[in-house]
Amino acid sequence: MGKVVLDVSVSLDGFTAGPDVRDEEPMGDGGEGLHEWHAGEGPGGEADLAVARELDARTGAALIGRRTFDLGLRPWGGTPWPGVPSFVVTHRTREDLVGGNGGTFAFEGLEAATRRAREAAGGKDVRVLGAETARALLRAGLLDEVHLHLVPVLLGGGTPLFAGERAGLTQEGAAITGSVTHLRYRVDR
């Protein structure tokens, strides 16, 4: 069975988005730079591309926070991964929405969305998008792994990754260094 995995780029000062997140800047001021490693153009870019390809190949479904959905729908043009079912964690449920790229968004509470995402993933991993959703999954004991892409930038503010949550983590495998440092941890239960 696949795992529920928070896979997130984070600044050295612990932010997953820059300050002043808004419709015009969904990643906040300077936050878009957290994802530049996906292009594979920096030093060690081949390592970055290999990490991205592996993560994408293992993705069977997505769990997305409502705010992340609201901000991401326009730039994504549909679901974050074309054709991959996505489950929006929300208290404001609604009918399913078919994205412009063949994927479907379903709107559920945390536990129902997690259960449905695991089923839909077909043995692959469920990727988590959204810091608040990641914190809620951690608190509920539903988060299996954390994959961090540590980006050498200081944003000085923005959306903190875990904002005071506590948990034990065990490193899985060796760190991979490209233009950023890729780390994998298992959440201790």
Protein backbone atom coordinates (compact mmCIF):
# COMPACT_ATOMS: atom_id res chain seq x y z
CA MET A 1 0.00 0.00 0.00
CA GLY A 2 1.22 3.48 -0.80
CA LYS A 3 2.10 6.05 1.81
CA VAL A 4 0.74 9.49 2.65
CA VAL A 5 3.74 11.68 1.89
CA LEU A 6 4.29 15.36 2.46
CA ASP A 7 6.63 16.32 -0.35
CA VAL A 8 7.56 19.98 0.00
CA SER A 9 10.21 22.51 -0.90
CA VAL A 10 11.23 24.57 2.11
CA SER A 11 13.53 27.53 2.65
CA LEU A 12 16.46 27.30 5.06
CA ASP A 13 14.42 29.37 7.52
CA GLY A 14 11.52 26.88 7.40
CA PHE A 15 8.94 28.46 5.08
CA THR A 16 6.97 26.69 2.34
CA ALA A 17 5.76 29.97 0.81
CA GLY A 18 6.98 33.54 1.03
CA PRO A 19 5.22 36.44 2.75
CA ASP A 20 1.98 37.92 1.40
CA VAL A 21 0.44 34.87 -0.30
CA ARG A 22 -2.30 36.14 -2.64
CA ASP A 23 -4.01 35.34 -5.95
CA GLU A 24 -1.36 37.23 -7.97
CA GLU A 25 1.49 35.51 -6.08
CA PRO A 26 0.17 32.08 -4.92
CA MET A 27 3.60 31.25 -3.44
CA GLY A 28 3.99 34.66 -1.78
CA ASP A 29 6.82 37.10 -2.33
CA GLY A 30 9.91 35.13 -3.38
CA GLY A 31 8.19 31.78 -2.83
CA GLU A 32 8.17 30.71 -6.46
CA GLY A 33 11.96 30.30 -6.19
CA LEU A 34 11.36 27.30 -3.93
CA HIS A 35 10.36 25.28 -7.00
CA GLU A 36 13.06 26.31 -9.47
CA TRP A 37 14.95 23.07 -8.81
CA HIS A 38 12.24 21.19 -10.78
CA ALA A 39 13.69 22.64 -14.01
CA GLY A 40 17.00 20.84 -13.39
CA GLU A 41 19.01 23.82 -14.56
CA GLY A 42 21.11 24.58 -11.47
CA PRO A 43 24.31 22.86 -10.36
CA GLY A 44 23.48 19.21 -9.81
CA GLY A 45 20.36 19.59 -11.93
CA GLU A 46 20.43 15.97 -13.12
CA ALA A 47 20.07 14.82 -9.49
CA ASP A 48 17.12 17.21 -9.05
CA LEU A 49 15.42 15.89 -12.18
CA ALA A 50 15.92 12.29 -11.06
CA VAL A 51 14.29 13.06 -7.69
CA ALA A 52 11.35 14.82 -9.40
CA ARG A 53 10.83 11.95 -11.88
CA GLU A 54 10.83 9.36 -9.07
CA LEU A 55 8.34 11.35 -6.99
CA ASP A 56 6.03 11.88 -9.95
CA ALA A 57 6.16 8.17 -10.87
CA ARG A 58 5.16 7.21 -7.32
CA THR A 59 2.21 9.66 -7.16
CA GLY A 60 -1.19 7.98 -7.36
CA ALA A 61 -3.36 10.64 -5.72
CA ALA A 62 -3.08 14.01 -4.03
CA LEU A 63 -4.42 15.47 -0.78
CA ILE A 64 -4.68 19.23 -1.08
CA GLY A 65 -5.55 21.86 1.49
CA ARG A 66 -8.48 24.11 0.60
CA ARG A 67 -6.37 27.31 0.52
CA THR A 68 -3.77 25.58 -1.67
CA PHE A 69 -6.57 24.46 -4.00
CA ASP A 70 -8.06 27.95 -4.17
CA LEU A 71 -4.68 29.48 -5.01
CA GLY A 72 -3.42 26.66 -7.25
CA LEU A 73 -6.34 25.86 -9.50
CA ARG A 74 -5.68 28.67 -11.99
CA PRO A 75 -1.89 28.14 -12.32
CA TRP A 76 -2.25 24.33 -12.45
CA GLY A 77 -4.99 24.44 -15.10
CA GLY A 78 -6.53 21.38 -13.43
CA THR A 79 -5.16 18.86 -10.98
CA PRO A 80 -1.49 19.27 -9.98
CA TRP A 81 -0.62 16.03 -11.83
CA PRO A 82 -2.63 15.53 -15.04
CA GLY A 83 -5.20 12.79 -14.65
CA VAL A 84 -4.33 12.12 -11.00
CA PRO A 85 -7.32 12.19 -8.63
CA SER A 86 -7.04 14.97 -6.05
CA PHE A 87 -8.87 15.26 -2.75
CA VAL A 88 -9.36 18.71 -1.27
CA VAL A 89 -9.44 18.70 2.53
CA THR A 90 -12.18 21.10 3.54
CA HIS A 91 -15.14 21.73 5.81
CA ARG A 92 -16.91 23.27 2.79
CA THR A 93 -17.71 20.16 0.78
CA ARG A 94 -19.21 20.39 -2.71
CA GLU A 95 -19.74 18.27 -5.80
CA ASP A 96 -16.66 16.85 -7.52
CA LEU A 97 -14.94 19.12 -10.02
CA VAL A 98 -13.27 17.80 -13.19
CA GLY A 99 -10.05 19.68 -13.90
CA GLY A 100 -9.08 20.87 -17.35
CA ASN A 101 -6.36 18.19 -17.56
CA GLY A 102 -8.44 15.08 -16.88
CA GLY A 103 -8.06 14.87 -13.11
CA THR A 104 -10.95 15.11 -10.66
CA PHE A 105 -11.10 17.12 -7.44
CA ALA A 106 -13.24 15.69 -4.61
CA PHE A 107 -14.03 17.76 -1.51
CA GLU A 108 -14.05 15.97 1.86
CA GLY A 109 -13.08 16.25 5.50
CA LEU A 110 -9.57 15.13 6.54
CA GLU A 111 -10.18 11.47 7.35
CA ALA A 112 -12.59 10.79 4.48
CA ALA A 113 -10.30 12.54 1.98
CA THR A 114 -7.30 10.54 3.22
CA ARG A 115 -9.19 7.24 3.01
CA ARG A 116 -10.47 7.99 -0.51
CA ALA A 117 -7.04 9.19 -1.68
CA ARG A 118 -5.37 5.98 -0.45
CA GLU A 119 -7.98 3.91 -2.30
CA ALA A 120 -7.65 5.99 -5.48
CA ALA A 121 -3.85 5.84 -5.44
CA GLY A 122 -3.93 2.14 -6.33
CA GLY A 123 -0.88 1.24 -4.22
CA LYS A 124 1.07 4.36 -5.16
CA ASP A 125 1.76 7.25 -2.80
CA VAL A 126 -0.63 10.02 -1.84
CA ARG A 127 1.14 13.39 -2.11
CA VAL A 128 0.18 16.14 0.33
CA LEU A 129 0.03 19.80 -0.69
CA GLY A 130 -0.54 22.51 1.90
CA ALA A 131 1.19 23.21 5.21
CA GLU A 132 -2.01 23.32 7.27
CA THR A 133 -3.19 20.02 5.81
CA ALA A 134 0.22 18.48 6.55
CA ARG A 135 -0.04 19.67 10.18
CA ALA A 136 -3.56 18.23 10.49
CA LEU A 137 -2.43 14.88 9.05
CA LEU A 138 0.51 14.80 11.46
CA ARG A 139 -1.75 15.53 14.45
CA ALA A 140 -4.21 12.82 13.32
CA GLY A 141 -1.45 10.21 12.89
CA LEU A 142 -2.17 9.93 9.14
CA LEU A 143 1.13 11.23 7.73
CA ASP A 144 3.63 8.47 6.88
CA GLU A 145 6.63 10.30 5.40
CA VAL A 146 8.08 13.78 4.94
CA HIS A 147 10.18 14.52 1.86
CA LEU A 148 11.94 17.87 2.15
CA HIS A 149 13.66 19.74 -0.65
CA LEU A 150 15.83 22.18 1.28
CA VAL A 151 16.33 25.29 -0.84
CA PRO A 152 19.30 27.58 -0.09
CA VAL A 153 17.28 30.76 0.37
CA LEU A 154 16.02 32.74 3.37
CA LEU A 155 12.50 34.04 2.81
CA GLY A 156 12.36 35.90 6.13
CA GLY A 157 8.68 35.11 6.62
CA GLY A 158 5.72 33.37 5.05
CA THR A 159 4.02 30.04 5.66
CA PRO A 160 5.89 27.96 8.26
CA LEU A 161 6.11 24.24 7.59
CA PHE A 162 5.09 22.70 10.90
CA ALA A 163 4.44 25.77 13.10
CA GLY A 164 5.05 24.22 16.50
CA GLU A 165 3.97 20.63 15.82
CA ARG A 166 6.10 17.93 17.40
CA ALA A 167 6.98 14.48 16.04
CA GLY A 168 9.87 12.09 15.78
CA LEU A 169 11.31 11.53 12.32
CA THR A 170 13.72 8.84 11.12
CA GLN A 171 15.83 9.52 8.04
CA GLU A 172 15.18 7.17 5.12
CA GLY A 173 18.16 6.73 2.81
CA ALA A 174 20.96 9.17 2.16
CA ALA A 175 20.47 12.83 1.36
CA ILE A 176 20.67 13.64 -2.34
CA THR A 177 22.32 16.89 -3.30
CA GLY A 178 21.52 18.73 -6.49
CA SER A 179 20.87 22.45 -6.62
CA VAL A 180 18.91 21.77 -3.40
CA THR A 181 19.24 19.06 -0.75
CA HIS A 182 16.62 16.30 -0.93
CA LEU A 183 15.82 14.58 2.39
CA ARG A 184 13.38 11.78 3.24
CA TYR A 185 12.02 10.94 6.67
CA ARG A 186 9.61 8.38 8.08
CA VAL A 187 7.22 9.73 10.71
CA ASP A 188 7.75 7.78 13.95
CA ARG A 189 4.58 6.38 15.49
